[in-house]
């Protein structure tokens, strides 16, 4: 029994297996590309260069404005946290201590 006696009868199975393996590879590539697009990841070309999303001046300007807005909002949140801490101190402190601190501030202002 030689190699031809084994390969020839099983040739349809070998070809089908190769086609199935190729189809699975292509299907995996399509699913991976779809997931990258869906989740906003950039696509890569054949040599690793970014294909999508392409940046233009409008996008750069939008990113710049969003970065500035983000900085402003962070500063505002910081001031709101400070105010909230002061309000929490006022609410949680005893009223006698608060009255004493207010009277002390009035006395300092009058002097």
N, C-alpha and C. Protein backbone atom coordinates (compact mmCIF):
# COMPACT_ATOMS: atom_id res chain seq x y z
N UNK A 1 0.84 -1.17 0.00
CA UNK A 1 0.00 0.00 0.00
C UNK A 1 0.90 1.24 0.00
N UNK A 2 0.70 2.09 -0.99
CA UNK A 2 1.53 3.29 -1.08
C UNK A 2 0.71 4.53 -0.71
N UNK A 3 1.35 5.71 -0.77
CA UNK A 3 0.72 6.97 -0.38
C UNK A 3 -0.46 7.31 -1.28
N UNK A 4 -0.37 7.02 -2.55
CA UNK A 4 -1.46 7.34 -3.47
C UNK A 4 -2.73 6.58 -3.12
N UNK A 5 -2.59 5.35 -2.63
CA UNK A 5 -3.76 4.56 -2.25
C UNK A 5 -4.47 5.15 -1.04
N UNK A 6 -3.77 5.91 -0.23
CA UNK A 6 -4.37 6.53 0.96
C UNK A 6 -4.91 7.93 0.62
N UNK A 7 -4.16 8.70 -0.14
CA UNK A 7 -4.51 10.10 -0.40
C UNK A 7 -5.67 10.20 -1.38
N UNK A 8 -5.65 9.48 -2.47
CA UNK A 8 -6.65 9.61 -3.54
C UNK A 8 -8.07 9.38 -3.01
N UNK A 9 -8.35 8.32 -2.27
CA UNK A 9 -9.74 8.13 -1.79
C UNK A 9 -10.16 9.22 -0.80
N UNK A 10 -9.22 9.79 -0.08
CA UNK A 10 -9.54 10.82 0.92
C UNK A 10 -9.38 12.24 0.40
N UNK A 11 -9.10 12.41 -0.87
CA UNK A 11 -8.86 13.74 -1.45
C UNK A 11 -10.05 14.68 -1.27
N UNK A 12 -11.30 14.23 -1.46
CA UNK A 12 -12.41 15.16 -1.21
C UNK A 12 -12.44 15.69 0.22
N UNK A 13 -12.12 14.85 1.19
CA UNK A 13 -12.10 15.27 2.59
C UNK A 13 -10.96 16.24 2.85
N UNK A 14 -9.84 16.01 2.25
CA UNK A 14 -8.68 16.90 2.42
C UNK A 14 -8.99 18.27 1.83
N UNK A 15 -9.59 18.28 0.63
CA UNK A 15 -9.94 19.56 -0.02
C UNK A 15 -11.00 20.29 0.81
N UNK A 16 -12.02 19.56 1.27
CA UNK A 16 -13.08 20.17 2.08
C UNK A 16 -12.52 20.74 3.38
N UNK A 17 -11.59 20.02 3.99
CA UNK A 17 -10.97 20.51 5.22
C UNK A 17 -10.17 21.79 4.98
N UNK A 18 -9.44 21.83 3.87
CA UNK A 18 -8.68 23.05 3.54
C UNK A 18 -9.59 24.23 3.27
N UNK A 19 -10.68 23.98 2.54
CA UNK A 19 -11.65 25.05 2.28
C UNK A 19 -12.32 25.52 3.56
N UNK A 20 -12.66 24.58 4.44
CA UNK A 20 -13.30 24.95 5.72
C UNK A 20 -12.33 25.77 6.58
N UNK A 21 -11.06 25.37 6.59
CA UNK A 21 -10.07 26.12 7.36
C UNK A 21 -9.89 27.53 6.79
N UNK A 22 -9.85 27.64 5.47
CA UNK A 22 -9.75 28.96 4.83
C UNK A 22 -10.96 29.82 5.11
N UNK A 23 -12.16 29.22 5.03
CA UNK A 23 -13.39 29.97 5.31
C UNK A 23 -13.43 30.43 6.77
N UNK A 24 -12.96 29.59 7.69
CA UNK A 24 -12.93 29.97 9.10
C UNK A 24 -11.97 31.14 9.32
N UNK A 25 -10.84 31.14 8.65
CA UNK A 25 -9.89 32.25 8.76
C UNK A 25 -10.46 33.55 8.22
N UNK A 26 -11.10 33.47 7.07
CA UNK A 26 -11.71 34.67 6.48
C UNK A 26 -12.86 35.16 7.37
N UNK A 27 -13.68 34.24 7.85
CA UNK A 27 -14.79 34.61 8.74
C UNK A 27 -14.28 35.27 10.02
N UNK A 28 -13.20 34.75 10.58
CA UNK A 28 -12.61 35.36 11.78
C UNK A 28 -12.11 36.76 11.51
N UNK A 29 -11.50 36.95 10.34
CA UNK A 29 -11.01 38.28 9.98
C UNK A 29 -12.17 39.26 9.83
N UNK A 30 -13.26 38.82 9.19
CA UNK A 30 -14.43 39.69 9.01
C UNK A 30 -15.03 40.06 10.36
N UNK A 31 -15.17 39.11 11.25
CA UNK A 31 -15.74 39.37 12.58
C UNK A 31 -14.84 40.31 13.37
N UNK A 32 -13.54 40.10 13.31
CA UNK A 32 -12.61 40.96 14.03
C UNK A 32 -12.68 42.39 13.51
N UNK A 33 -12.75 42.54 12.19
CA UNK A 33 -12.84 43.88 11.60
C UNK A 33 -14.16 44.54 12.00
N UNK A 34 -15.25 43.80 11.98
CA UNK A 34 -16.55 44.34 12.37
C UNK A 34 -16.52 44.80 13.83
N UNK A 35 -15.91 44.00 14.72
CA UNK A 35 -15.83 44.38 16.13
C UNK A 35 -14.98 45.62 16.33
N UNK A 36 -13.89 45.76 15.56
CA UNK A 36 -13.05 46.96 15.67
C UNK A 36 -13.83 48.19 15.25
N UNK A 37 -14.58 48.09 14.15
CA UNK A 37 -15.38 49.22 13.68
C UNK A 37 -16.46 49.56 14.70
N UNK A 38 -17.14 48.56 15.21
CA UNK A 38 -18.23 48.76 16.17
C UNK A 38 -17.74 49.46 17.43
N UNK A 39 -16.55 49.10 17.90
CA UNK A 39 -16.03 49.66 19.15
C UNK A 39 -15.12 50.86 18.95
N UNK A 40 -14.97 51.33 17.72
CA UNK A 40 -14.24 52.57 17.48
C UNK A 40 -12.74 52.44 17.38
N UNK A 41 -12.22 51.24 17.23
CA UNK A 41 -10.78 51.08 17.08
C UNK A 41 -10.37 51.38 15.64
N UNK A 42 -9.18 51.93 15.45
CA UNK A 42 -8.75 52.21 14.07
C UNK A 42 -8.42 50.92 13.33
N UNK A 43 -8.70 50.94 12.04
CA UNK A 43 -8.36 49.79 11.21
C UNK A 43 -6.95 49.94 10.68
N UNK A 44 -6.26 48.84 10.48
CA UNK A 44 -4.90 48.84 9.99
C UNK A 44 -4.87 48.38 8.54
N UNK A 45 -3.96 48.98 7.76
CA UNK A 45 -3.77 48.56 6.38
C UNK A 45 -2.81 47.38 6.33
N UNK A 46 -2.39 47.02 5.12
CA UNK A 46 -1.53 45.86 4.92
C UNK A 46 -0.17 46.04 5.59
N UNK A 47 0.31 47.29 5.70
CA UNK A 47 1.63 47.54 6.28
C UNK A 47 1.54 48.16 7.67
N UNK A 48 0.38 48.07 8.30
CA UNK A 48 0.24 48.55 9.67
C UNK A 48 -0.14 50.01 9.79
N UNK A 49 -0.32 50.71 8.67
CA UNK A 49 -0.71 52.12 8.75
C UNK A 49 -2.21 52.21 9.06
N UNK A 50 -2.61 53.28 9.75
CA UNK A 50 -4.01 53.46 10.10
C UNK A 50 -4.82 53.80 8.86
N UNK A 51 -5.91 53.08 8.65
CA UNK A 51 -6.78 53.30 7.50
C UNK A 51 -7.99 54.13 7.93
N UNK A 52 -8.50 53.85 9.12
CA UNK A 52 -9.70 54.52 9.61
C UNK A 52 -9.54 54.72 11.08
N UNK A 53 -9.93 55.77 11.69
CA UNK A 53 -10.48 56.98 11.11
C UNK A 53 -9.37 57.90 10.62
N UNK A 54 -9.62 58.56 9.52
CA UNK A 54 -8.67 59.53 9.01
C UNK A 54 -8.93 60.87 9.68
N UNK A 55 -7.87 61.52 10.10
CA UNK A 55 -8.02 62.81 10.78
C UNK A 55 -7.96 63.93 9.77
N UNK A 56 -8.75 64.96 10.03
CA UNK A 56 -8.65 66.16 9.23
C UNK A 56 -8.65 67.35 10.19
N UNK A 57 -8.56 68.54 9.66
CA UNK A 57 -8.46 69.72 10.52
C UNK A 57 -9.71 69.91 11.35
N UNK A 58 -10.86 69.53 10.82
CA UNK A 58 -12.11 69.67 11.59
C UNK A 58 -12.09 68.77 12.82
N UNK A 59 -11.62 67.55 12.64
CA UNK A 59 -11.52 66.62 13.78
C UNK A 59 -10.53 67.13 14.82
N UNK A 60 -9.39 67.64 14.37
CA UNK A 60 -8.40 68.17 15.31
C UNK A 60 -8.96 69.35 16.10
N UNK A 61 -9.71 70.21 15.43
CA UNK A 61 -10.31 71.36 16.10
C UNK A 61 -11.36 70.90 17.11
N UNK A 62 -12.14 69.89 16.74
CA UNK A 62 -13.14 69.36 17.65
C UNK A 62 -12.48 68.75 18.89
N UNK A 63 -11.39 68.02 18.69
CA UNK A 63 -10.67 67.43 19.82
C UNK A 63 -10.11 68.52 20.72
N UNK A 64 -9.58 69.58 20.11
CA UNK A 64 -9.04 70.70 20.89
C UNK A 64 -10.13 71.35 21.74
N UNK A 65 -11.30 71.60 21.14
CA UNK A 65 -12.41 72.21 21.89
C UNK A 65 -12.91 71.29 23.01
N UNK A 66 -12.99 70.00 22.72
CA UNK A 66 -13.44 69.06 23.75
C UNK A 66 -12.44 68.98 24.90
N UNK A 67 -11.15 69.07 24.59
CA UNK A 67 -10.13 69.05 25.63
C UNK A 67 -10.24 70.28 26.51
N UNK A 68 -10.47 71.44 25.89
CA UNK A 68 -10.63 72.67 26.67
C UNK A 68 -11.88 72.59 27.55
N UNK A 69 -12.97 72.09 26.98
CA UNK A 69 -14.20 71.95 27.76
C UNK A 69 -14.01 70.98 28.91
N UNK A 70 -13.29 69.90 28.66
CA UNK A 70 -13.00 68.92 29.71
C UNK A 70 -12.23 69.56 30.85
N UNK A 71 -11.24 70.40 30.53
CA UNK A 71 -10.45 71.07 31.55
C UNK A 71 -11.34 72.01 32.37
N UNK A 72 -12.20 72.76 31.70
CA UNK A 72 -13.10 73.67 32.41
C UNK A 72 -14.05 72.92 33.32
N UNK A 73 -14.59 71.82 32.83
CA UNK A 73 -15.53 71.04 33.64
C UNK A 73 -14.85 70.42 34.84
N UNK A 74 -13.61 69.98 34.67
CA UNK A 74 -12.88 69.43 35.81
C UNK A 74 -12.64 70.49 36.88
N UNK A 75 -12.32 71.72 36.45
CA UNK A 75 -12.12 72.81 37.41
C UNK A 75 -13.43 73.12 38.13
N UNK A 76 -14.52 73.13 37.39
CA UNK A 76 -15.83 73.42 37.99
C UNK A 76 -16.21 72.33 38.99
N UNK A 77 -15.94 71.07 38.64
CA UNK A 77 -16.25 69.98 39.56
C UNK A 77 -15.41 70.12 40.84
N UNK A 78 -14.16 70.54 40.70
CA UNK A 78 -13.33 70.75 41.88
C UNK A 78 -13.91 71.80 42.81
N UNK A 79 -14.41 72.92 42.24
CA UNK A 79 -14.99 73.96 43.08
C UNK A 79 -16.30 73.48 43.71
N UNK A 80 -17.08 72.69 42.96
CA UNK A 80 -18.32 72.16 43.52
C UNK A 80 -18.02 71.19 44.66
N UNK A 81 -16.98 70.40 44.53
CA UNK A 81 -16.59 69.49 45.63
C UNK A 81 -16.20 70.28 46.87
N UNK A 82 -15.46 71.38 46.68
CA UNK A 82 -15.07 72.21 47.82
C UNK A 82 -16.30 72.81 48.50
N UNK A 83 -17.25 73.29 47.71
CA UNK A 83 -18.48 73.85 48.28
C UNK A 83 -19.26 72.77 49.03
N UNK A 84 -19.35 71.60 48.44
CA UNK A 84 -20.08 70.51 49.07
C UNK A 84 -19.43 70.12 50.39
N UNK A 85 -18.11 70.11 50.43
CA UNK A 85 -17.42 69.79 51.68
C UNK A 85 -17.75 70.83 52.76
N UNK A 86 -17.81 72.11 52.37
CA UNK A 86 -18.16 73.16 53.33
C UNK A 86 -19.60 72.98 53.82
N UNK A 87 -20.51 72.66 52.91
CA UNK A 87 -21.91 72.45 53.31
C UNK A 87 -22.04 71.23 54.21
N UNK A 88 -21.31 70.16 53.91
CA UNK A 88 -21.35 68.97 54.76
C UNK A 88 -20.83 69.29 56.15
N UNK A 89 -19.80 70.11 56.23
CA UNK A 89 -19.26 70.51 57.54
C UNK A 89 -20.31 71.29 58.31
N UNK A 90 -21.00 72.20 57.64
CA UNK A 90 -22.02 73.00 58.31
C UNK A 90 -23.17 72.12 58.79
N UNK A 91 -23.59 71.18 57.97
CA UNK A 91 -24.74 70.34 58.32
C UNK A 91 -24.40 69.35 59.43
N UNK A 92 -23.21 68.80 59.40
CA UNK A 92 -22.88 67.75 60.37
C UNK A 92 -22.35 68.28 61.69
N UNK A 93 -21.85 69.50 61.75
CA UNK A 93 -21.35 70.05 63.01
C UNK A 93 -22.51 70.39 63.93
N UNK A 94 -22.22 70.42 65.22
CA UNK A 94 -23.27 70.77 66.17
C UNK A 94 -23.61 72.25 66.04
N UNK A 95 -24.83 72.59 66.36
CA UNK A 95 -25.28 73.97 66.19
C UNK A 95 -24.56 74.92 67.15
N UNK A 96 -24.20 74.47 68.34
CA UNK A 96 -23.50 75.34 69.29
C UNK A 96 -22.11 75.72 68.75
N UNK A 97 -21.42 74.75 68.19
CA UNK A 97 -20.09 75.03 67.62
C UNK A 97 -20.20 75.98 66.45
N UNK A 98 -21.22 75.76 65.62
CA UNK A 98 -21.44 76.63 64.47
C UNK A 98 -21.76 78.06 64.92
N UNK A 99 -22.60 78.20 65.93
CA UNK A 99 -22.92 79.53 66.45
C UNK A 99 -21.67 80.21 66.99
N UNK A 100 -20.82 79.45 67.66
CA UNK A 100 -19.59 80.01 68.21
C UNK A 100 -18.66 80.48 67.09
N UNK A 101 -18.54 79.70 66.03
CA UNK A 101 -17.68 80.10 64.91
C UNK A 101 -18.23 81.33 64.20
N UNK A 102 -19.54 81.41 64.03
CA UNK A 102 -20.15 82.58 63.38
C UNK A 102 -19.94 83.82 64.24
N UNK A 103 -20.14 83.67 65.56
CA UNK A 103 -19.92 84.82 66.47
C UNK A 103 -18.46 85.25 66.44
N UNK A 104 -17.54 84.30 66.38
CA UNK A 104 -16.12 84.64 66.33
C UNK A 104 -15.81 85.40 65.05
N UNK A 105 -16.39 84.99 63.94
CA UNK A 105 -16.17 85.70 62.68
C UNK A 105 -16.76 87.11 62.73
N UNK A 106 -17.92 87.25 63.35
CA UNK A 106 -18.51 88.59 63.50
C UNK A 106 -17.64 89.50 64.35
N UNK A 107 -17.13 88.91 65.44
CA UNK A 107 -16.25 89.72 66.32
C UNK A 107 -14.99 90.14 65.60
N UNK A 108 -14.41 89.24 64.77
CA UNK A 108 -13.21 89.60 64.02
C UNK A 108 -13.51 90.69 63.01
N UNK A 109 -14.67 90.66 62.43
CA UNK A 109 -15.04 91.67 61.43
C UNK A 109 -15.31 93.03 62.08
N UNK A 110 -15.83 93.00 63.27
CA UNK A 110 -16.11 94.26 63.96
C UNK A 110 -14.83 94.92 64.46
N UNK A 111 -13.81 94.16 64.78
CA UNK A 111 -12.57 94.73 65.33
C UNK A 111 -11.68 95.24 64.27
